[in-house]
mmCIF file of all heavy atoms, coordinates in Angstrom:
data_MODEL
# 
_entry.id   MODEL 
# 
loop_
_atom_site.group_PDB 
_atom_site.id 
_atom_site.type_symbol 
_atom_site.label_atom_id 
_atom_site.label_alt_id 
_atom_site.label_comp_id 
_atom_site.label_asym_id 
_atom_site.label_entity_id 
_atom_site.label_seq_id 
_atom_site.pdbx_PDB_ins_code 
_atom_site.Cartn_x 
_atom_site.Cartn_y 
_atom_site.Cartn_z 
_atom_site.occupancy 
_atom_site.B_iso_or_equiv 
_atom_site.pdbx_formal_charge 
_atom_site.auth_seq_id 
_atom_site.auth_comp_id 
_atom_site.auth_asym_id 
_atom_site.auth_atom_id 
_atom_site.pdbx_PDB_model_num 
ATOM 1   N N   . ASP A 1 1  ? -14.419 -4.710  41.936 1.00 0.00 ? 1  ASP A N   1 
ATOM 2   C CA  . ASP A 1 1  ? -14.324 -4.036  43.227 1.00 0.00 ? 1  ASP A CA  1 
ATOM 3   C C   . ASP A 1 1  ? -15.643 -3.375  43.616 1.00 0.00 ? 1  ASP A C   1 
ATOM 4   O O   . ASP A 1 1  ? -15.959 -3.249  44.796 1.00 0.00 ? 1  ASP A O   1 
ATOM 5   C CB  . ASP A 1 1  ? -13.218 -2.974  43.205 1.00 0.00 ? 1  ASP A CB  1 
ATOM 6   C CG  . ASP A 1 1  ? -11.835 -3.581  43.193 1.00 0.00 ? 1  ASP A CG  1 
ATOM 7   O OD1 . ASP A 1 1  ? -11.692 -4.786  43.509 1.00 0.00 ? 1  ASP A OD1 1 
ATOM 8   O OD2 . ASP A 1 1  ? -10.882 -2.844  42.849 1.00 0.00 ? 1  ASP A OD2 1 
ATOM 9   N N   . ALA A 1 2  ? -16.420 -2.963  42.614 1.00 0.00 ? 2  ALA A N   1 
ATOM 10  C CA  . ALA A 1 2  ? -17.651 -2.217  42.866 1.00 0.00 ? 2  ALA A CA  1 
ATOM 11  C C   . ALA A 1 2  ? -18.892 -3.094  43.017 1.00 0.00 ? 2  ALA A C   1 
ATOM 12  O O   . ALA A 1 2  ? -19.852 -2.708  43.679 1.00 0.00 ? 2  ALA A O   1 
ATOM 13  C CB  . ALA A 1 2  ? -17.892 -1.215  41.738 1.00 0.00 ? 2  ALA A CB  1 
ATOM 14  N N   . CYS A 1 3  ? -18.897 -4.297  42.375 1.00 0.00 ? 3  CYS A N   1 
ATOM 15  C CA  . CYS A 1 3  ? -20.126 -5.095  42.381 1.00 0.00 ? 3  CYS A CA  1 
ATOM 16  C C   . CYS A 1 3  ? -19.840 -6.563  42.096 1.00 0.00 ? 3  CYS A C   1 
ATOM 17  O O   . CYS A 1 3  ? -18.702 -6.955  41.885 1.00 0.00 ? 3  CYS A O   1 
ATOM 18  C CB  . CYS A 1 3  ? -21.089 -4.545  41.330 1.00 0.00 ? 3  CYS A CB  1 
ATOM 19  S SG  . CYS A 1 3  ? -20.493 -4.777  39.637 1.00 0.00 ? 3  CYS A SG  1 
ATOM 20  N N   . ARG A 1 4  ? -20.928 -7.320  42.074 1.00 0.00 ? 4  ARG A N   1 
ATOM 21  C CA  . ARG A 1 4  ? -20.889 -8.725  41.654 1.00 0.00 ? 4  ARG A CA  1 
ATOM 22  C C   . ARG A 1 4  ? -21.632 -8.793  40.325 1.00 0.00 ? 4  ARG A C   1 
ATOM 23  O O   . ARG A 1 4  ? -22.870 -8.809  40.294 1.00 0.00 ? 4  ARG A O   1 
ATOM 24  C CB  . ARG A 1 4  ? -21.554 -9.625  42.688 1.00 0.00 ? 4  ARG A CB  1 
ATOM 25  C CG  . ARG A 1 4  ? -20.821 -9.628  44.021 1.00 0.00 ? 4  ARG A CG  1 
ATOM 26  C CD  . ARG A 1 4  ? -21.483 -10.509 45.049 1.00 0.00 ? 4  ARG A CD  1 
ATOM 27  N NE  . ARG A 1 4  ? -22.817 -10.019 45.367 1.00 0.00 ? 4  ARG A NE  1 
ATOM 28  C CZ  . ARG A 1 4  ? -23.803 -10.754 45.855 1.00 0.00 ? 4  ARG A CZ  1 
ATOM 29  N NH1 . ARG A 1 4  ? -23.630 -12.025 46.096 1.00 0.00 ? 4  ARG A NH1 1 
ATOM 30  N NH2 . ARG A 1 4  ? -24.975 -10.220 46.129 1.00 0.00 ? 4  ARG A NH2 1 
ATOM 31  N N   . PRO A 1 5  ? -20.923 -8.820  39.190 1.00 0.00 ? 5  PRO A N   1 
ATOM 32  C CA  . PRO A 1 5  ? -21.597 -8.789  37.890 1.00 0.00 ? 5  PRO A CA  1 
ATOM 33  C C   . PRO A 1 5  ? -22.246 -10.117 37.530 1.00 0.00 ? 5  PRO A C   1 
ATOM 34  O O   . PRO A 1 5  ? -21.700 -11.190 37.810 1.00 0.00 ? 5  PRO A O   1 
ATOM 35  C CB  . PRO A 1 5  ? -20.475 -8.450  36.912 1.00 0.00 ? 5  PRO A CB  1 
ATOM 36  C CG  . PRO A 1 5  ? -19.234 -8.907  37.585 1.00 0.00 ? 5  PRO A CG  1 
ATOM 37  C CD  . PRO A 1 5  ? -19.477 -8.768  39.063 1.00 0.00 ? 5  PRO A CD  1 
ATOM 38  N N   . VAL A 1 6  ? -23.418 -10.032 36.918 1.00 0.00 ? 6  VAL A N   1 
ATOM 39  C CA  . VAL A 1 6  ? -24.126 -11.181 36.367 1.00 0.00 ? 6  VAL A CA  1 
ATOM 40  C C   . VAL A 1 6  ? -24.439 -10.820 34.923 1.00 0.00 ? 6  VAL A C   1 
ATOM 41  O O   . VAL A 1 6  ? -25.100 -9.816  34.659 1.00 0.00 ? 6  VAL A O   1 
ATOM 42  C CB  . VAL A 1 6  ? -25.435 -11.473 37.138 1.00 0.00 ? 6  VAL A CB  1 
ATOM 43  C CG1 . VAL A 1 6  ? -26.218 -12.580 36.460 1.00 0.00 ? 6  VAL A CG1 1 
ATOM 44  C CG2 . VAL A 1 6  ? -25.136 -11.821 38.583 1.00 0.00 ? 6  VAL A CG2 1 
ATOM 45  N N   . VAL A 1 7  ? -23.943 -11.622 33.987 1.00 0.00 ? 7  VAL A N   1 
ATOM 46  C CA  . VAL A 1 7  ? -24.132 -11.329 32.571 1.00 0.00 ? 7  VAL A CA  1 
ATOM 47  C C   . VAL A 1 7  ? -25.327 -12.121 32.048 1.00 0.00 ? 7  VAL A C   1 
ATOM 48  O O   . VAL A 1 7  ? -25.425 -13.330 32.256 1.00 0.00 ? 7  VAL A O   1 
ATOM 49  C CB  . VAL A 1 7  ? -22.871 -11.680 31.757 1.00 0.00 ? 7  VAL A CB  1 
ATOM 50  C CG1 . VAL A 1 7  ? -23.091 -11.398 30.279 1.00 0.00 ? 7  VAL A CG1 1 
ATOM 51  C CG2 . VAL A 1 7  ? -21.672 -10.914 32.283 1.00 0.00 ? 7  VAL A CG2 1 
ATOM 52  N N   . LEU A 1 8  ? -26.219 -11.432 31.358 1.00 0.00 ? 8  LEU A N   1 
ATOM 53  C CA  . LEU A 1 8  ? -27.374 -12.062 30.742 1.00 0.00 ? 8  LEU A CA  1 
ATOM 54  C C   . LEU A 1 8  ? -27.115 -12.142 29.248 1.00 0.00 ? 8  LEU A C   1 
ATOM 55  O O   . LEU A 1 8  ? -26.978 -11.117 28.578 1.00 0.00 ? 8  LEU A O   1 
ATOM 56  C CB  . LEU A 1 8  ? -28.638 -11.240 31.015 1.00 0.00 ? 8  LEU A CB  1 
ATOM 57  C CG  . LEU A 1 8  ? -28.910 -10.914 32.482 1.00 0.00 ? 8  LEU A CG  1 
ATOM 58  C CD1 . LEU A 1 8  ? -30.084 -9.974  32.607 1.00 0.00 ? 8  LEU A CD1 1 
ATOM 59  C CD2 . LEU A 1 8  ? -29.136 -12.185 33.268 1.00 0.00 ? 8  LEU A CD2 1 
ATOM 60  N N   . GLY A 1 9  ? -27.008 -13.344 28.733 1.00 0.00 ? 9  GLY A N   1 
ATOM 61  C CA  . GLY A 1 9  ? -26.734 -13.497 27.312 1.00 0.00 ? 9  GLY A CA  1 
ATOM 62  C C   . GLY A 1 9  ? -26.404 -14.932 26.960 1.00 0.00 ? 9  GLY A C   1 
ATOM 63  O O   . GLY A 1 9  ? -26.445 -15.823 27.807 1.00 0.00 ? 9  GLY A O   1 
ATOM 64  N N   . ARG A 1 10 ? -26.036 -15.128 25.712 1.00 0.00 ? 10 ARG A N   1 
ATOM 65  C CA  . ARG A 1 10 ? -25.717 -16.465 25.213 1.00 0.00 ? 10 ARG A CA  1 
ATOM 66  C C   . ARG A 1 10 ? -24.256 -16.811 25.527 1.00 0.00 ? 10 ARG A C   1 
ATOM 67  O O   . ARG A 1 10 ? -23.345 -16.135 25.082 1.00 0.00 ? 10 ARG A O   1 
ATOM 68  C CB  . ARG A 1 10 ? -25.988 -16.554 23.726 1.00 0.00 ? 10 ARG A CB  1 
ATOM 69  C CG  . ARG A 1 10 ? -27.472 -16.315 23.422 1.00 0.00 ? 10 ARG A CG  1 
ATOM 70  C CD  . ARG A 1 10 ? -27.882 -16.693 22.040 1.00 0.00 ? 10 ARG A CD  1 
ATOM 71  N NE  . ARG A 1 10 ? -27.373 -17.945 21.547 1.00 0.00 ? 10 ARG A NE  1 
ATOM 72  C CZ  . ARG A 1 10 ? -27.887 -19.148 21.808 1.00 0.00 ? 10 ARG A CZ  1 
ATOM 73  N NH1 . ARG A 1 10 ? -28.938 -19.265 22.573 1.00 0.00 ? 10 ARG A NH1 1 
ATOM 74  N NH2 . ARG A 1 10 ? -27.350 -20.227 21.278 1.00 0.00 ? 10 ARG A NH2 1 
ATOM 75  N N   . ARG A 1 11 ? -24.116 -17.872 26.274 1.00 0.00 ? 11 ARG A N   1 
ATOM 76  C CA  . ARG A 1 11 ? -22.785 -18.282 26.726 1.00 0.00 ? 11 ARG A CA  1 
ATOM 77  C C   . ARG A 1 11 ? -21.817 -18.541 25.568 1.00 0.00 ? 11 ARG A C   1 
ATOM 78  O O   . ARG A 1 11 ? -20.663 -18.096 25.624 1.00 0.00 ? 11 ARG A O   1 
ATOM 79  C CB  . ARG A 1 11 ? -22.922 -19.509 27.620 1.00 0.00 ? 11 ARG A CB  1 
ATOM 80  C CG  . ARG A 1 11 ? -21.635 -19.942 28.251 1.00 0.00 ? 11 ARG A CG  1 
ATOM 81  C CD  . ARG A 1 11 ? -21.874 -21.102 29.183 1.00 0.00 ? 11 ARG A CD  1 
ATOM 82  N NE  . ARG A 1 11 ? -20.634 -21.536 29.785 1.00 0.00 ? 11 ARG A NE  1 
ATOM 83  C CZ  . ARG A 1 11 ? -20.540 -22.614 30.515 1.00 0.00 ? 11 ARG A CZ  1 
ATOM 84  N NH1 . ARG A 1 11 ? -21.592 -23.364 30.749 1.00 0.00 ? 11 ARG A NH1 1 
ATOM 85  N NH2 . ARG A 1 11 ? -19.383 -22.955 31.027 1.00 0.00 ? 11 ARG A NH2 1 
ATOM 86  N N   . PRO A 1 12 ? -22.232 -19.244 24.490 1.00 0.00 ? 12 PRO A N   1 
ATOM 87  C CA  . PRO A 1 12 ? -21.284 -19.478 23.393 1.00 0.00 ? 12 PRO A CA  1 
ATOM 88  C C   . PRO A 1 12 ? -20.750 -18.185 22.775 1.00 0.00 ? 12 PRO A C   1 
ATOM 89  O O   . PRO A 1 12 ? -19.573 -18.105 22.414 1.00 0.00 ? 12 PRO A O   1 
ATOM 90  C CB  . PRO A 1 12 ? -22.094 -20.287 22.375 1.00 0.00 ? 12 PRO A CB  1 
ATOM 91  C CG  . PRO A 1 12 ? -23.158 -20.950 23.184 1.00 0.00 ? 12 PRO A CG  1 
ATOM 92  C CD  . PRO A 1 12 ? -23.495 -19.966 24.269 1.00 0.00 ? 12 PRO A CD  1 
ATOM 93  N N   . ALA A 1 13 ? -21.590 -17.175 22.660 1.00 0.00 ? 13 ALA A N   1 
ATOM 94  C CA  . ALA A 1 13 ? -21.145 -15.893 22.089 1.00 0.00 ? 13 ALA A CA  1 
ATOM 95  C C   . ALA A 1 13 ? -20.151 -15.211 23.019 1.00 0.00 ? 13 ALA A C   1 
ATOM 96  O O   . ALA A 1 13 ? -19.150 -14.631 22.556 1.00 0.00 ? 13 ALA A O   1 
ATOM 97  C CB  . ALA A 1 13 ? -22.352 -14.982 21.833 1.00 0.00 ? 13 ALA A CB  1 
ATOM 98  N N   . LEU A 1 14 ? -20.388 -15.273 24.309 1.00 0.00 ? 14 LEU A N   1 
ATOM 99  C CA  . LEU A 1 14 ? -19.471 -14.675 25.280 1.00 0.00 ? 14 LEU A CA  1 
ATOM 100 C C   . LEU A 1 14 ? -18.133 -15.416 25.310 1.00 0.00 ? 14 LEU A C   1 
ATOM 101 O O   . LEU A 1 14 ? -17.071 -14.798 25.364 1.00 0.00 ? 14 LEU A O   1 
ATOM 102 C CB  . LEU A 1 14 ? -20.100 -14.658 26.671 1.00 0.00 ? 14 LEU A CB  1 
ATOM 103 C CG  . LEU A 1 14 ? -21.288 -13.711 26.817 1.00 0.00 ? 14 LEU A CG  1 
ATOM 104 C CD1 . LEU A 1 14 ? -22.095 -14.068 28.049 1.00 0.00 ? 14 LEU A CD1 1 
ATOM 105 C CD2 . LEU A 1 14 ? -20.811 -12.275 26.864 1.00 0.00 ? 14 LEU A CD2 1 
ATOM 106 N N   . GLU A 1 15 ? -18.189 -16.733 25.251 1.00 0.00 ? 15 GLU A N   1 
ATOM 107 C CA  . GLU A 1 15 ? -16.957 -17.523 25.255 1.00 0.00 ? 15 GLU A CA  1 
ATOM 108 C C   . GLU A 1 15 ? -16.145 -17.270 23.987 1.00 0.00 ? 15 GLU A C   1 
ATOM 109 O O   . GLU A 1 15 ? -14.922 -17.183 24.037 1.00 0.00 ? 15 GLU A O   1 
ATOM 110 C CB  . GLU A 1 15 ? -17.275 -19.001 25.418 1.00 0.00 ? 15 GLU A CB  1 
ATOM 111 C CG  . GLU A 1 15 ? -17.776 -19.332 26.814 1.00 0.00 ? 15 GLU A CG  1 
ATOM 112 C CD  . GLU A 1 15 ? -18.257 -20.758 26.967 1.00 0.00 ? 15 GLU A CD  1 
ATOM 113 O OE1 . GLU A 1 15 ? -18.615 -21.394 25.947 1.00 0.00 ? 15 GLU A OE1 1 
ATOM 114 O OE2 . GLU A 1 15 ? -18.303 -21.224 28.116 1.00 0.00 ? 15 GLU A OE2 1 
ATOM 115 N N   . ALA A 1 16 ? -16.827 -17.134 22.840 1.00 0.00 ? 16 ALA A N   1 
ATOM 116 C CA  . ALA A 1 16 ? -16.127 -16.837 21.590 1.00 0.00 ? 16 ALA A CA  1 
ATOM 117 C C   . ALA A 1 16 ? -15.454 -15.466 21.664 1.00 0.00 ? 16 ALA A C   1 
ATOM 118 O O   . ALA A 1 16 ? -14.310 -15.300 21.216 1.00 0.00 ? 16 ALA A O   1 
ATOM 119 C CB  . ALA A 1 16 ? -17.100 -16.899 20.410 1.00 0.00 ? 16 ALA A CB  1 
ATOM 120 N N   . ALA A 1 17 ? -16.147 -14.496 22.225 1.00 0.00 ? 17 ALA A N   1 
ATOM 121 C CA  . ALA A 1 17 ? -15.562 -13.156 22.378 1.00 0.00 ? 17 ALA A CA  1 
ATOM 122 C C   . ALA A 1 17 ? -14.352 -13.203 23.303 1.00 0.00 ? 17 ALA A C   1 
ATOM 123 O O   . ALA A 1 17 ? -13.332 -12.568 23.030 1.00 0.00 ? 17 ALA A O   1 
ATOM 124 C CB  . ALA A 1 17 ? -16.608 -12.185 22.917 1.00 0.00 ? 17 ALA A CB  1 
ATOM 125 N N   . ALA A 1 18 ? -14.441 -13.967 24.368 1.00 0.00 ? 18 ALA A N   1 
ATOM 126 C CA  . ALA A 1 18 ? -13.312 -14.086 25.303 1.00 0.00 ? 18 ALA A CA  1 
ATOM 127 C C   . ALA A 1 18 ? -12.107 -14.723 24.608 1.00 0.00 ? 18 ALA A C   1 
ATOM 128 O O   . ALA A 1 18 ? -10.969 -14.284 24.814 1.00 0.00 ? 18 ALA A O   1 
ATOM 129 C CB  . ALA A 1 18 ? -13.724 -14.891 26.531 1.00 0.00 ? 18 ALA A CB  1 
ATOM 130 N N   . ARG A 1 19 ? -12.347 -15.721 23.771 1.00 0.00 ? 19 ARG A N   1 
ATOM 131 C CA  . ARG A 1 19 ? -11.240 -16.340 23.029 1.00 0.00 ? 19 ARG A CA  1 
ATOM 132 C C   . ARG A 1 19 ? -10.602 -15.337 22.062 1.00 0.00 ? 19 ARG A C   1 
ATOM 133 O O   . ARG A 1 19 ? -9.377  -15.242 21.986 1.00 0.00 ? 19 ARG A O   1 
ATOM 134 C CB  . ARG A 1 19 ? -11.729 -17.562 22.256 1.00 0.00 ? 19 ARG A CB  1 
ATOM 135 C CG  . ARG A 1 19 ? -11.893 -18.808 23.090 1.00 0.00 ? 19 ARG A CG  1 
ATOM 136 C CD  . ARG A 1 19 ? -12.103 -20.041 22.242 1.00 0.00 ? 19 ARG A CD  1 
ATOM 137 N NE  . ARG A 1 19 ? -13.256 -19.951 21.372 1.00 0.00 ? 19 ARG A NE  1 
ATOM 138 C CZ  . ARG A 1 19 ? -14.506 -20.231 21.725 1.00 0.00 ? 19 ARG A CZ  1 
ATOM 139 N NH1 . ARG A 1 19 ? -14.761 -20.618 22.963 1.00 0.00 ? 19 ARG A NH1 1 
ATOM 140 N NH2 . ARG A 1 19 ? -15.495 -20.131 20.870 1.00 0.00 ? 19 ARG A NH2 1 
ATOM 141 N N   . ARG A 1 20 ? -11.451 -14.574 21.341 1.00 0.00 ? 20 ARG A N   1 
ATOM 142 C CA  . ARG A 1 20 ? -10.924 -13.587 20.387 1.00 0.00 ? 20 ARG A CA  1 
ATOM 143 C C   . ARG A 1 20 ? -10.075 -12.535 21.092 1.00 0.00 ? 20 ARG A C   1 
ATOM 144 O O   . ARG A 1 20 ? -9.078  -12.069 20.553 1.00 0.00 ? 20 ARG A O   1 
ATOM 145 C CB  . ARG A 1 20 ? -12.065 -12.896 19.634 1.00 0.00 ? 20 ARG A CB  1 
ATOM 146 C CG  . ARG A 1 20 ? -12.649 -13.725 18.509 1.00 0.00 ? 20 ARG A CG  1 
ATOM 147 C CD  . ARG A 1 20 ? -13.564 -12.899 17.633 1.00 0.00 ? 20 ARG A CD  1 
ATOM 148 N NE  . ARG A 1 20 ? -14.716 -12.357 18.321 1.00 0.00 ? 20 ARG A NE  1 
ATOM 149 C CZ  . ARG A 1 20 ? -15.857 -12.990 18.537 1.00 0.00 ? 20 ARG A CZ  1 
ATOM 150 N NH1 . ARG A 1 20 ? -16.013 -14.232 18.134 1.00 0.00 ? 20 ARG A NH1 1 
ATOM 151 N NH2 . ARG A 1 20 ? -16.848 -12.397 19.159 1.00 0.00 ? 20 ARG A NH2 1 
ATOM 152 N N   . LEU A 1 21 ? -10.486 -12.158 22.300 1.00 0.00 ? 21 LEU A N   1 
ATOM 153 C CA  . LEU A 1 21 ? -9.771  -11.129 23.054 1.00 0.00 ? 21 LEU A CA  1 
ATOM 154 C C   . LEU A 1 21 ? -8.683  -11.713 23.957 1.00 0.00 ? 21 LEU A C   1 
ATOM 155 O O   . LEU A 1 21 ? -8.044  -10.987 24.709 1.00 0.00 ? 21 LEU A O   1 
ATOM 156 C CB  . LEU A 1 21 ? -10.765 -10.315 23.888 1.00 0.00 ? 21 LEU A CB  1 
ATOM 157 C CG  . LEU A 1 21 ? -11.765 -9.507  23.071 1.00 0.00 ? 21 LEU A CG  1 
ATOM 158 C CD1 . LEU A 1 21 ? -12.836 -8.911  23.973 1.00 0.00 ? 21 LEU A CD1 1 
ATOM 159 C CD2 . LEU A 1 21 ? -11.053 -8.416  22.288 1.00 0.00 ? 21 LEU A CD2 1 
ATOM 160 N N   . ARG A 1 22 ? -8.539  -13.034 23.914 1.00 0.00 ? 22 ARG A N   1 
ATOM 161 C CA  . ARG A 1 22 ? -7.560  -13.740 24.749 1.00 0.00 ? 22 ARG A CA  1 
ATOM 162 C C   . ARG A 1 22 ? -7.737  -13.419 26.234 1.00 0.00 ? 22 ARG A C   1 
ATOM 163 O O   . ARG A 1 22 ? -6.768  -13.206 26.966 1.00 0.00 ? 22 ARG A O   1 
ATOM 164 C CB  . ARG A 1 22 ? -6.149  -13.446 24.284 1.00 0.00 ? 22 ARG A CB  1 
ATOM 165 C CG  . ARG A 1 22 ? -5.921  -13.958 22.893 1.00 0.00 ? 22 ARG A CG  1 
ATOM 166 C CD  . ARG A 1 22 ? -4.535  -13.785 22.433 1.00 0.00 ? 22 ARG A CD  1 
ATOM 167 N NE  . ARG A 1 22 ? -4.444  -14.379 21.093 1.00 0.00 ? 22 ARG A NE  1 
ATOM 168 C CZ  . ARG A 1 22 ? -3.517  -14.066 20.234 1.00 0.00 ? 22 ARG A CZ  1 
ATOM 169 N NH1 . ARG A 1 22 ? -2.596  -13.201 20.551 1.00 0.00 ? 22 ARG A NH1 1 
ATOM 170 N NH2 . ARG A 1 22 ? -3.505  -14.623 19.066 1.00 0.00 ? 22 ARG A NH2 1 
ATOM 171 N N   . ALA A 1 23 ? -8.996  -13.377 26.626 1.00 0.00 ? 23 ALA A N   1 
ATOM 172 C CA  . ALA A 1 23 ? -9.351  -13.127 28.026 1.00 0.00 ? 23 ALA A CA  1 
ATOM 173 C C   . ALA A 1 23 ? -9.631  -14.464 28.699 1.00 0.00 ? 23 ALA A C   1 
ATOM 174 O O   . ALA A 1 23 ? -10.375 -15.282 28.165 1.00 0.00 ? 23 ALA A O   1 
ATOM 175 C CB  . ALA A 1 23 ? -10.571 -12.227 28.111 1.00 0.00 ? 23 ALA A CB  1 
ATOM 176 N N   . GLN A 1 24 ? -9.045  -14.672 29.833 1.00 0.00 ? 24 GLN A N   1 
ATOM 177 C CA  . GLN A 1 24 ? -9.263  -15.917 30.561 1.00 0.00 ? 24 GLN A CA  1 
ATOM 178 C C   . GLN A 1 24 ? -10.401 -15.716 31.551 1.00 0.00 ? 24 GLN A C   1 
ATOM 179 O O   . GLN A 1 24 ? -10.179 -15.440 32.732 1.00 0.00 ? 24 GLN A O   1 
ATOM 180 C CB  . GLN A 1 24 ? -7.979  -16.348 31.243 1.00 0.00 ? 24 GLN A CB  1 
ATOM 181 C CG  . GLN A 1 24 ? -6.903  -16.663 30.247 1.00 0.00 ? 24 GLN A CG  1 
ATOM 182 C CD  . GLN A 1 24 ? -5.703  -17.323 30.872 1.00 0.00 ? 24 GLN A CD  1 
ATOM 183 O OE1 . GLN A 1 24 ? -5.711  -17.687 32.042 1.00 0.00 ? 24 GLN A OE1 1 
ATOM 184 N NE2 . GLN A 1 24 ? -4.674  -17.492 30.094 1.00 0.00 ? 24 GLN A NE2 1 
ATOM 185 N N   . ILE A 1 25 ? -11.616 -15.849 31.024 1.00 0.00 ? 25 ILE A N   1 
ATOM 186 C CA  . ILE A 1 25 ? -12.824 -15.671 31.828 1.00 0.00 ? 25 ILE A CA  1 
ATOM 187 C C   . ILE A 1 25 ? -13.633 -16.956 31.747 1.00 0.00 ? 25 ILE A C   1 
ATOM 188 O O   . ILE A 1 25 ? -13.825 -17.505 30.668 1.00 0.00 ? 25 ILE A O   1 
ATOM 189 C CB  . ILE A 1 25 ? -13.663 -14.487 31.306 1.00 0.00 ? 25 ILE A CB  1 
ATOM 190 C CG1 . ILE A 1 25 ? -12.865 -13.189 31.410 1.00 0.00 ? 25 ILE A CG1 1 
ATOM 191 C CG2 . ILE A 1 25 ? -14.983 -14.380 32.057 1.00 0.00 ? 25 ILE A CG2 1 
ATOM 192 C CD1 . ILE A 1 25 ? -13.544 -12.000 30.770 1.00 0.00 ? 25 ILE A CD1 1 
ATOM 193 N N   . VAL A 1 26 ? -14.099 -17.422 32.881 1.00 0.00 ? 26 VAL A N   1 
ATOM 194 C CA  . VAL A 1 26 ? -14.958 -18.612 32.921 1.00 0.00 ? 26 VAL A CA  1 
ATOM 195 C C   . VAL A 1 26 ? -16.372 -18.132 33.197 1.00 0.00 ? 26 VAL A C   1 
ATOM 196 O O   . VAL A 1 26 ? -16.625 -17.414 34.167 1.00 0.00 ? 26 VAL A O   1 
ATOM 197 C CB  . VAL A 1 26 ? -14.501 -19.581 34.034 1.00 0.00 ? 26 VAL A CB  1 
ATOM 198 C CG1 . VAL A 1 26 ? -15.457 -20.752 34.135 1.00 0.00 ? 26 VAL A CG1 1 
ATOM 199 C CG2 . VAL A 1 26 ? -13.080 -20.055 33.767 1.00 0.00 ? 26 VAL A CG2 1 
ATOM 200 N N   . PHE A 1 27 ? -17.287 -18.500 32.314 1.00 0.00 ? 27 PHE A N   1 
ATOM 201 C CA  . PHE A 1 27 ? -18.693 -18.118 32.475 1.00 0.00 ? 27 PHE A CA  1 
ATOM 202 C C   . PHE A 1 27 ? -19.431 -19.289 33.103 1.00 0.00 ? 27 PHE A C   1 
ATOM 203 O O   . PHE A 1 27 ? -19.571 -20.351 32.498 1.00 0.00 ? 27 PHE A O   1 
ATOM 204 C CB  . PHE A 1 27 ? -19.297 -17.773 31.114 1.00 0.00 ? 27 PHE A CB  1 
ATOM 205 C CG  . PHE A 1 27 ? -18.675 -16.551 30.493 1.00 0.00 ? 27 PHE A CG  1 
ATOM 206 C CD1 . PHE A 1 27 ? -17.673 -16.673 29.561 1.00 0.00 ? 27 PHE A CD1 1 
ATOM 207 C CD2 . PHE A 1 27 ? -19.104 -15.299 30.867 1.00 0.00 ? 27 PHE A CD2 1 
ATOM 208 C CE1 . PHE A 1 27 ? -17.093 -15.550 28.999 1.00 0.00 ? 27 PHE A CE1 1 
ATOM 209 C CE2 . PHE A 1 27 ? -18.532 -14.154 30.316 1.00 0.00 ? 27 PHE A CE2 1 
ATOM 210 C CZ  . PHE A 1 27 ? -17.518 -14.286 29.369 1.00 0.00 ? 27 PHE A CZ  1 
ATOM 211 N N   . ASP A 1 28 ? -19.865 -19.099 34.344 1.00 0.00 ? 28 ASP A N   1 
ATOM 212 C CA  . ASP A 1 28 ? -20.628 -20.123 35.048 1.00 0.00 ? 28 ASP A CA  1 
ATOM 213 C C   . ASP A 1 28 ? -22.109 -19.912 34.772 1.00 0.00 ? 28 ASP A C   1 
ATOM 214 O O   . ASP A 1 28 ? -22.640 -18.833 35.086 1.00 0.00 ? 28 ASP A O   1 
ATOM 215 C CB  . ASP A 1 28 ? -20.377 -20.055 36.557 1.00 0.00 ? 28 ASP A CB  1 
ATOM 216 C CG  . ASP A 1 28 ? -18.959 -20.408 36.925 1.00 0.00 ? 28 ASP A CG  1 
ATOM 217 O OD1 . ASP A 1 28 ? -18.378 -21.285 36.261 1.00 0.00 ? 28 ASP A OD1 1 
ATOM 218 O OD2 . ASP A 1 28 ? -18.419 -19.808 37.874 1.00 0.00 ? 28 ASP A OD2 1 
ATOM 219 N N   . PRO A 1 29 ? -22.780 -20.905 34.193 1.00 0.00 ? 29 PRO A N   1 
ATOM 220 C CA  . PRO A 1 29 ? -24.198 -20.729 33.892 1.00 0.00 ? 29 PRO A CA  1 
ATOM 221 C C   . PRO A 1 29 ? -25.044 -20.715 35.158 1.00 0.00 ? 29 PRO A C   1 
ATOM 222 O O   . PRO A 1 29 ? -24.795 -21.473 36.096 1.00 0.00 ? 29 PRO A O   1 
ATOM 223 C CB  . PRO A 1 29 ? -24.543 -21.918 33.014 1.00 0.00 ? 29 PRO A CB  1 
ATOM 224 C CG  . PRO A 1 29 ? -23.546 -22.963 33.386 1.00 0.00 ? 29 PRO A CG  1 
ATOM 225 C CD  . PRO A 1 29 ? -22.296 -22.205 33.789 1.00 0.00 ? 29 PRO A CD  1 
# 
């Protein structure tokens, strides 16, 4: 609601964290 977030980092690490947390997030490179 406050902003448009852009994450700077390694996509595989973020995707692995999302799986561990059962978060349905798609990281668009």
